Amino acid sequence: MHSTPDVTHLYTAPDEELVAILAAADAADIAMHCPGGARAPHLTRPASGTCEVLLLGALGCRYGMLSGGAGGHLVRTAATTVLVDPGPAALGMMLQLTEHGLFSWSELDAIAVTHLHPDHYAGLIPCLEGMVSYAATGDRKLLLANPTATERFAAFSPYHLGPGGLVDLVTLAHPATDGRGRTSVRVGDITLHAVPALHTEEAGRTRSAIGLIYESTAGHIWYTSDTNLTDALLGQVAAICPTPTMVIAHADASNIDQTPGRTEACHLETRDVPIIAAALQSPYVLIQHYDAAYSATEYRIAQAVWLQRQLDRSDLPTRVLPSASGLRLTLAVEGIIDYSIVLGSDAASAVADYLQKQARL
């Protein structure tokens, strides 16, 4: 809680004192707007050889976004930080992290956007501002995005992305998706690989969205983003990383009755998780991007328990992890070596209990 200074003495202060305060603010503003002038707090980064994923909310889709829970996630190593899919909640959650000494704008090297839906990009502009405002002199930052997002944002925000702009724009695409772009890009010590995502961005665009694979010395993490599951997709992921250390799966919806036509609306479904686990043998699948109807704590735990039983019956090595806002997972080659929940939410306590007792983290 910030204390409020007593300013009542200024009501009767002499002009000289008031002018001195105004002049000091001018000097501070000039210094702040010089290159490298905005000072960032010291930050303890992940240890060498590890990779950290920190969820900025655990919700997604239309109503999850409107509930204030769609902010994307941070991927961090000892040298690099990438913000992925900053939805409208991203800025507020990153400010909370900053206040608690858990994040600094100066650490941010790149922002990635997988497709042009507001729960994945609505927080982009203020986050670009934060990234460039704390950049060191001559330090160019990156915006990595699928073809639709790069096309639209180059026109929408020329201040940031146009000729002479503040950020270098890189298009990411997979040969199996629509649009041209690089298949991978290295940011510091993290390489981001584009993988296909079967997802309708808008009428006529169903194959331009992407998912991402994060490659670091800690191994590989597959972030599905919004997609339906196909055999081809699993093969395309396996071609880059046969056994990812973790899958971040947008698999909140169950479609338990297998209603025709629901698959496209649900992205990945609960029953897709065992298929992914069998194909990739990944040690962990983290479920997130819960829409509002699926965001209840009871649902998150019930889904995880049911899925874990199916995987155990099939002798699969995968541990299913439900998620909550502020969940921070630290991974090394051998798996998850640490976790905590650093932001408050209704689901935080139950998810933490599950991770300890059921997932045995």
Protein backbone atom coordinates (compact mmCIF):
# COMPACT_ATOMS: atom_id res chain seq x y z
CA MET A 1 0.00 0.00 0.00
CA HIS A 2 1.45 3.36 -1.03
CA SER A 3 1.44 6.13 1.60
CA THR A 4 -0.11 9.47 0.65
CA PRO A 5 2.23 12.44 1.20
CA ASP A 6 0.98 15.42 3.20
CA VAL A 7 0.80 18.31 0.72
CA THR A 8 -1.35 20.72 2.70
CA HIS A 9 1.68 22.91 3.45
CA LEU A 10 1.81 23.77 -0.25
CA TYR A 11 -1.42 25.77 0.10
CA THR A 12 0.54 28.55 1.80
CA ALA A 13 4.03 27.88 0.40
CA PRO A 14 5.91 30.79 -1.20
CA ASP A 15 6.08 30.97 -4.99
CA GLU A 16 9.76 30.10 -4.93
CA GLU A 17 9.07 26.70 -3.34
CA LEU A 18 6.28 25.92 -5.81
CA VAL A 19 8.41 26.90 -8.81
CA ALA A 20 11.27 24.74 -7.53
CA ILE A 21 8.94 21.71 -7.46
CA LEU A 22 7.76 22.41 -11.01
CA ALA A 23 11.35 22.82 -12.24
CA ALA A 24 12.45 19.58 -10.59
CA ALA A 25 9.62 17.73 -12.34
CA ASP A 26 10.71 19.24 -15.68
CA ALA A 27 14.27 18.02 -15.13
CA ALA A 28 13.08 14.53 -14.18
CA ASP A 29 10.85 14.36 -17.27
CA ILE A 30 13.68 15.42 -19.59
CA ALA A 31 15.98 12.80 -18.08
CA MET A 32 13.33 10.08 -18.31
CA HIS A 33 12.78 10.70 -22.01
CA CYS A 34 16.47 10.55 -22.91
CA PRO A 35 17.57 7.16 -24.35
CA GLY A 36 18.05 4.82 -21.43
CA GLY A 37 16.68 7.43 -19.05
CA ALA A 38 13.84 5.37 -17.61
CA ARG A 39 15.36 3.41 -14.76
CA ALA A 40 14.25 -0.12 -14.08
CA PRO A 41 14.61 -1.97 -10.78
CA HIS A 42 17.10 -4.77 -10.27
CA LEU A 43 15.62 -8.17 -11.09
CA THR A 44 16.67 -11.69 -10.18
CA ARG A 45 16.55 -13.76 -13.37
CA PRO A 46 16.11 -17.54 -13.74
CA ALA A 47 19.25 -19.60 -13.22
CA SER A 48 21.42 -20.58 -16.16
CA GLY A 49 20.15 -23.71 -17.89
CA THR A 50 16.54 -23.15 -16.84
CA CYS A 51 13.48 -21.68 -18.53
CA GLU A 52 10.58 -20.05 -16.70
CA VAL A 53 6.96 -19.73 -17.84
CA LEU A 54 4.80 -17.20 -15.97
CA LEU A 55 1.08 -16.99 -16.75
CA LEU A 56 -0.46 -13.51 -16.97
CA GLY A 57 -3.92 -14.84 -16.29
CA ALA A 58 -5.26 -18.27 -17.16
CA LEU A 59 -8.40 -17.31 -19.08
CA GLY A 60 -9.11 -16.72 -22.75
CA CYS A 61 -11.74 -16.61 -25.48
CA ARG A 62 -14.46 -13.95 -25.45
CA TYR A 63 -15.91 -14.28 -21.97
CA GLY A 64 -12.67 -15.25 -20.28
CA MET A 65 -11.19 -12.08 -21.74
CA LEU A 66 -14.14 -10.01 -20.52
CA SER A 67 -13.66 -11.50 -17.05
CA GLY A 68 -10.22 -9.88 -16.94
CA GLY A 69 -8.12 -13.03 -17.15
CA ALA A 70 -6.50 -12.98 -20.60
CA GLY A 71 -2.96 -11.62 -20.52
CA GLY A 72 -0.76 -14.23 -22.21
CA HIS A 73 2.46 -15.41 -20.61
CA LEU A 74 6.14 -14.62 -20.15
CA VAL A 75 8.94 -16.96 -21.21
CA ARG A 76 12.23 -16.25 -19.44
CA THR A 77 15.76 -17.57 -19.27
CA ALA A 78 18.90 -16.25 -17.60
CA ALA A 79 19.42 -13.83 -20.50
CA THR A 80 16.12 -13.38 -22.36
CA THR A 81 12.45 -12.51 -21.79
CA VAL A 82 9.65 -12.84 -24.35
CA LEU A 83 6.03 -11.79 -23.79
CA VAL A 84 3.59 -13.99 -25.72
CA ASP A 85 0.01 -13.09 -26.73
CA PRO A 86 -0.57 -10.03 -24.53
CA GLY A 87 -4.34 -9.87 -24.11
CA PRO A 88 -6.09 -6.94 -22.42
CA ALA A 89 -5.12 -8.09 -18.90
CA ALA A 90 -1.38 -8.16 -19.65
CA LEU A 91 -0.50 -4.60 -18.66
CA GLY A 92 -2.28 -4.69 -15.31
CA MET A 93 -0.75 -8.02 -14.35
CA MET A 94 2.75 -6.94 -15.39
CA LEU A 95 2.36 -3.79 -13.29
CA GLN A 96 1.47 -6.01 -10.32
CA LEU A 97 4.58 -8.11 -10.95
CA THR A 98 6.69 -4.94 -11.21
CA GLU A 99 5.34 -3.66 -7.90
CA HIS A 100 6.45 -6.89 -6.22
CA GLY A 101 9.89 -6.92 -7.86
CA LEU A 102 9.03 -9.88 -10.10
CA PHE A 103 9.22 -8.14 -13.49
CA SER A 104 10.99 -5.20 -15.10
CA TRP A 105 10.21 -3.65 -18.49
CA SER A 106 13.94 -3.45 -19.10
CA GLU A 107 14.18 -7.25 -19.28
CA LEU A 108 11.70 -7.56 -22.16
CA ASP A 109 13.42 -8.41 -25.47
CA ALA A 110 10.48 -9.31 -27.71
CA ILE A 111 6.72 -9.65 -27.90
CA ALA A 112 5.10 -12.46 -29.91
CA VAL A 113 1.51 -12.58 -31.22
CA THR A 114 0.18 -15.85 -32.65
CA HIS A 115 -3.00 -14.50 -34.26
CA LEU A 116 -5.24 -11.48 -34.48
CA HIS A 117 -7.91 -12.16 -31.86
CA PRO A 118 -8.28 -9.59 -29.06
CA ASP A 119 -7.65 -12.02 -26.22
CA HIS A 120 -4.19 -12.48 -27.77
CA TYR A 121 -3.25 -8.95 -28.88
CA ALA A 122 -5.39 -6.26 -27.19
CA GLY A 123 -2.62 -5.40 -24.70
CA LEU A 124 0.08 -5.14 -27.36
CA ILE A 125 0.38 -1.36 -27.77
CA PRO A 126 0.93 -0.47 -24.07
CA CYS A 127 3.31 -3.41 -23.74
CA LEU A 128 5.28 -2.18 -26.77
CA GLU A 129 5.46 1.20 -25.04
CA GLY A 130 6.78 -0.39 -21.87
CA MET A 131 9.37 -2.43 -23.78
CA VAL A 132 10.82 0.45 -25.78
CA SER A 133 10.63 3.00 -22.94
CA TYR A 134 13.13 1.02 -20.88
CA ALA A 135 15.37 -0.07 -23.76
CA ALA A 136 19.04 0.73 -23.47
CA THR A 137 20.53 3.09 -26.04
CA GLY A 138 20.80 1.32 -29.41
CA ASP A 139 18.98 -1.78 -28.16
CA ARG A 140 16.43 -2.80 -30.81
CA LYS A 141 13.39 -4.74 -29.65
CA LEU A 142 11.32 -7.24 -31.65
CA LEU A 143 7.67 -7.86 -32.44
CA LEU A 144 7.20 -11.39 -33.77
CA ALA A 145 3.80 -12.21 -35.22
CA ASN A 146 1.87 -14.31 -37.67
CA PRO A 147 1.25 -12.85 -41.15
CA THR A 148 -2.14 -11.33 -40.30
CA ALA A 149 -0.91 -9.55 -37.19
CA THR A 150 2.23 -8.14 -38.83
CA GLU A 151 0.22 -6.87 -41.79
CA ARG A 152 -2.40 -5.14 -39.65
CA PHE A 153 -0.15 -3.72 -36.96
CA ALA A 154 2.37 -2.27 -39.39
CA ALA A 155 -0.48 -0.11 -40.69
CA PHE A 156 -2.19 0.46 -37.35
CA SER A 157 0.86 1.58 -35.34
CA PRO A 158 3.49 3.09 -37.66
CA TYR A 159 4.93 4.97 -34.67
CA HIS A 160 6.16 1.63 -33.36
CA LEU A 161 6.43 -0.51 -36.48
CA GLY A 162 6.70 1.70 -39.56
CA PRO A 163 9.86 2.96 -41.29
CA GLY A 164 12.12 4.42 -38.62
CA GLY A 165 9.88 2.93 -35.94
CA LEU A 166 10.95 1.81 -32.50
CA VAL A 167 10.57 -1.95 -32.97
CA ASP A 168 11.76 -4.42 -35.60
CA LEU A 169 8.86 -6.42 -37.05
CA VAL A 170 9.39 -10.11 -37.92
CA THR A 171 6.74 -12.31 -39.53
CA LEU A 172 6.62 -15.93 -38.37
CA ALA A 173 4.92 -18.61 -40.47
CA HIS A 174 5.11 -22.35 -41.06
CA PRO A 175 5.22 -23.83 -44.59
CA ALA A 176 1.83 -25.44 -43.88
CA THR A 177 0.18 -22.13 -42.93
CA ASP A 178 -1.06 -19.32 -45.15
CA GLY A 179 1.28 -16.38 -45.62
CA ARG A 180 5.02 -16.06 -45.82
CA GLY A 181 7.46 -15.54 -43.01
CA ARG A 182 10.42 -16.97 -41.18
CA THR A 183 9.96 -20.42 -39.70
CA SER A 184 12.03 -19.54 -36.64
CA VAL A 185 13.82 -16.64 -35.01
CA ARG A 186 16.40 -16.52 -32.25
CA VAL A 187 15.88 -13.99 -29.46
CA GLY A 188 18.84 -14.04 -27.10
CA ASP A 189 19.12 -17.65 -25.94
CA ILE A 190 15.55 -18.63 -26.89
CA THR A 191 14.63 -19.82 -30.39
CA LEU A 192 10.96 -19.50 -31.31
CA HIS A 193 9.71 -21.92 -33.98
CA ALA A 194 6.40 -21.40 -35.78
CA VAL A 195 4.06 -24.39 -35.98
CA PRO A 196 0.64 -24.53 -37.64
CA ALA A 197 -2.61 -23.74 -35.83
CA LEU A 198 -5.97 -24.62 -37.37
CA HIS A 199 -8.03 -21.67 -36.17
CA THR A 200 -10.34 -19.16 -37.85
CA GLU A 201 -8.92 -15.66 -37.45
CA GLU A 202 -11.70 -14.16 -39.57
CA ALA A 203 -13.89 -15.20 -42.49
CA GLY A 204 -11.69 -16.86 -45.09
CA ARG A 205 -8.62 -17.10 -42.84
CA THR A 206 -8.40 -20.47 -41.12
CA ARG A 207 -4.75 -21.38 -41.66
CA SER A 208 -2.80 -18.20 -40.92
CA ALA A 209 -2.64 -18.51 -37.12
CA ILE A 210 0.41 -20.16 -35.58
CA GLY A 211 1.51 -21.92 -32.44
CA LEU A 212 5.05 -21.66 -31.08
CA ILE A 213 7.80 -23.92 -29.83
CA TYR A 214 10.26 -22.35 -27.39
CA GLU A 215 13.71 -23.90 -27.60
CA SER A 216 16.33 -23.17 -24.94
CA THR A 217 19.03 -25.03 -23.03
CA ALA A 218 16.20 -26.27 -20.78
CA GLY A 219 14.60 -28.14 -23.69
CA HIS A 220 11.47 -27.47 -25.74
CA ILE A 221 8.03 -26.14 -24.80
CA TRP A 222 5.14 -26.37 -27.28
CA TYR A 223 2.59 -23.59 -26.93
CA THR A 224 -0.43 -24.74 -28.93
CA SER A 225 -2.18 -21.36 -28.94
CA ASP A 226 -5.72 -21.69 -30.34
CA THR A 227 -6.02 -24.70 -32.63
CA ASN A 228 -7.91 -27.88 -33.39
CA LEU A 229 -5.97 -31.12 -33.27
CA THR A 230 -4.90 -32.97 -36.41
CA ASP A 231 -2.52 -35.84 -37.05
CA ALA A 232 -0.55 -33.55 -39.32
CA LEU A 233 -0.07 -31.02 -36.50
CA LEU A 234 1.37 -33.63 -34.16
CA GLY A 235 3.80 -34.69 -36.88
CA GLN A 236 4.83 -31.09 -37.55
CA VAL A 237 5.51 -30.52 -33.86
CA ALA A 238 7.42 -33.79 -33.54
CA ALA A 239 9.62 -32.81 -36.49
CA ILE A 240 10.96 -29.93 -34.38
CA CYS A 241 10.82 -31.53 -30.93
CA PRO A 242 9.86 -35.21 -30.68
CA THR A 243 9.32 -34.96 -26.90
CA PRO A 244 8.74 -31.45 -25.58
CA THR A 245 9.39 -30.97 -21.89
CA MET A 246 5.99 -29.30 -21.56
CA VAL A 247 2.93 -28.59 -23.68
CA ILE A 248 0.97 -25.41 -22.92
CA ALA A 249 -2.41 -26.51 -24.23
CA HIS A 250 -5.44 -24.34 -24.91
CA ALA A 251 -7.63 -27.31 -24.05
CA ASP A 252 -10.15 -25.95 -21.60
CA ALA A 253 -13.40 -27.07 -23.28
CA SER A 254 -14.59 -30.63 -22.76
CA ASN A 255 -17.36 -31.19 -25.33
CA ILE A 256 -18.02 -34.21 -23.17
CA ASP A 257 -21.01 -35.30 -25.28
CA GLN A 258 -18.98 -34.88 -28.49
CA THR A 259 -21.62 -32.62 -30.00
CA PRO A 260 -21.07 -32.22 -33.78
CA GLY A 261 -19.84 -28.76 -34.70
CA ARG A 262 -18.50 -28.00 -31.23
CA THR A 263 -14.94 -29.01 -32.06
CA GLU A 264 -14.19 -25.92 -34.14
CA ALA A 265 -15.60 -23.65 -31.44
CA CYS A 266 -13.75 -25.35 -28.61
CA HIS A 267 -10.17 -25.24 -29.92
CA LEU A 268 -8.48 -28.23 -28.30
CA GLU A 269 -10.82 -30.38 -26.21
CA THR A 270 -10.29 -32.36 -23.04
CA ARG A 271 -10.16 -35.64 -25.00
CA ASP A 272 -7.35 -34.28 -27.17
CA VAL A 273 -4.92 -34.25 -24.24
CA PRO A 274 -4.44 -38.06 -24.06
CA ILE A 275 -3.86 -38.10 -27.83
CA ILE A 276 -1.16 -35.43 -27.48
CA ALA A 277 0.38 -37.26 -24.52
CA ALA A 278 0.48 -40.57 -26.38
CA ALA A 279 2.02 -39.03 -29.50
CA LEU A 280 4.66 -36.86 -27.84
CA GLN A 281 5.25 -38.51 -24.43
CA SER A 282 5.68 -35.06 -22.93
CA PRO A 283 6.28 -35.04 -19.16
CA TYR A 284 3.78 -32.21 -18.59
CA VAL A 285 0.66 -30.75 -20.19
CA LEU A 286 -0.38 -27.40 -18.75
CA ILE A 287 -4.04 -26.55 -19.38
CA GLN A 288 -4.92 -22.87 -19.74
CA HIS A 289 -7.03 -20.37 -21.72
CA TYR A 290 -10.20 -21.24 -19.81
CA ASP A 291 -13.28 -19.49 -21.16
CA ALA A 292 -15.65 -18.11 -18.51
CA ALA A 293 -17.92 -21.18 -18.41
CA TYR A 294 -14.85 -23.36 -17.86
CA SER A 295 -13.03 -21.08 -15.42
CA ALA A 296 -14.61 -22.30 -12.17
CA THR A 297 -12.07 -23.78 -9.77
CA GLU A 298 -14.15 -26.97 -9.51
CA TYR A 299 -14.01 -27.45 -13.28
CA ARG A 300 -10.24 -26.93 -13.50
CA ILE A 301 -9.53 -29.54 -10.83
CA ALA A 302 -12.16 -32.02 -12.08
CA GLN A 303 -10.77 -31.82 -15.61
CA ALA A 304 -7.20 -32.35 -14.42
CA VAL A 305 -8.12 -35.29 -12.15
CA TRP A 306 -10.17 -37.01 -14.88
CA LEU A 307 -7.43 -36.54 -17.46
CA GLN A 308 -4.72 -37.80 -15.13
CA ARG A 309 -6.71 -40.97 -14.51
CA GLN A 310 -6.99 -41.61 -18.26
CA LEU A 311 -3.25 -41.10 -18.74
CA ASP A 312 -2.35 -43.31 -15.76
CA ARG A 313 -4.60 -46.11 -17.07
CA SER A 314 -2.72 -45.93 -20.37
CA ASP A 315 0.67 -45.94 -18.59
CA LEU A 316 1.57 -42.57 -20.10
CA PRO A 317 4.27 -40.51 -18.33
CA THR A 318 2.48 -37.17 -18.64
CA ARG A 319 1.39 -35.11 -15.63
CA VAL A 320 -1.62 -32.84 -16.20
CA LEU A 321 -1.35 -29.38 -14.66
CA PRO A 322 -4.33 -27.04 -14.19
CA SER A 323 -3.47 -23.35 -14.19
CA ALA A 324 -4.14 -20.12 -12.35
CA SER A 325 -3.11 -16.53 -12.92
CA GLY A 326 0.46 -15.94 -11.82
CA LEU A 327 1.50 -19.60 -12.01
CA ARG A 328 5.27 -19.60 -12.43
CA LEU A 329 6.94 -22.83 -13.53
CA THR A 330 10.71 -23.23 -13.73
CA LEU A 331 11.89 -25.98 -16.06
CA ALA A 332 15.24 -27.64 -16.64
CA VAL A 333 16.15 -30.54 -18.90
CA GLU A 334 15.01 -32.98 -16.21
CA GLY A 335 11.58 -31.34 -15.88
CA ILE A 336 9.88 -28.83 -13.57
CA ILE A 337 12.23 -27.97 -10.72
CA ASP A 338 10.25 -25.21 -9.02
CA TYR A 339 6.83 -23.56 -9.07
CA SER A 340 4.87 -20.85 -7.30
CA ILE A 341 1.74 -18.76 -7.80
CA VAL A 342 2.68 -15.09 -7.58
CA LEU A 343 -0.65 -13.40 -8.40
CA GLY A 344 -3.88 -13.76 -6.50
CA SER A 345 -7.03 -15.37 -7.93
CA ASP A 346 -9.97 -17.46 -6.77
CA ALA A 347 -8.36 -20.61 -8.16
CA ALA A 348 -4.85 -20.05 -6.78
CA SER A 349 -5.14 -22.05 -3.55
CA ALA A 350 -6.82 -25.08 -5.13
CA VAL A 351 -4.40 -25.16 -8.05
CA ALA A 352 -1.40 -24.90 -5.71
CA ASP A 353 -2.79 -27.77 -3.60
CA TYR A 354 -3.33 -29.91 -6.71
CA LEU A 355 0.18 -29.26 -8.02
CA GLN A 356 1.67 -30.34 -4.71
CA LYS A 357 -0.50 -33.35 -3.89
CA GLN A 358 -1.65 -34.69 -7.26
CA ALA A 359 0.96 -33.57 -9.79
CA ARG A 360 3.70 -34.16 -7.19
CA LEU A 361 5.72 -31.11 -8.17
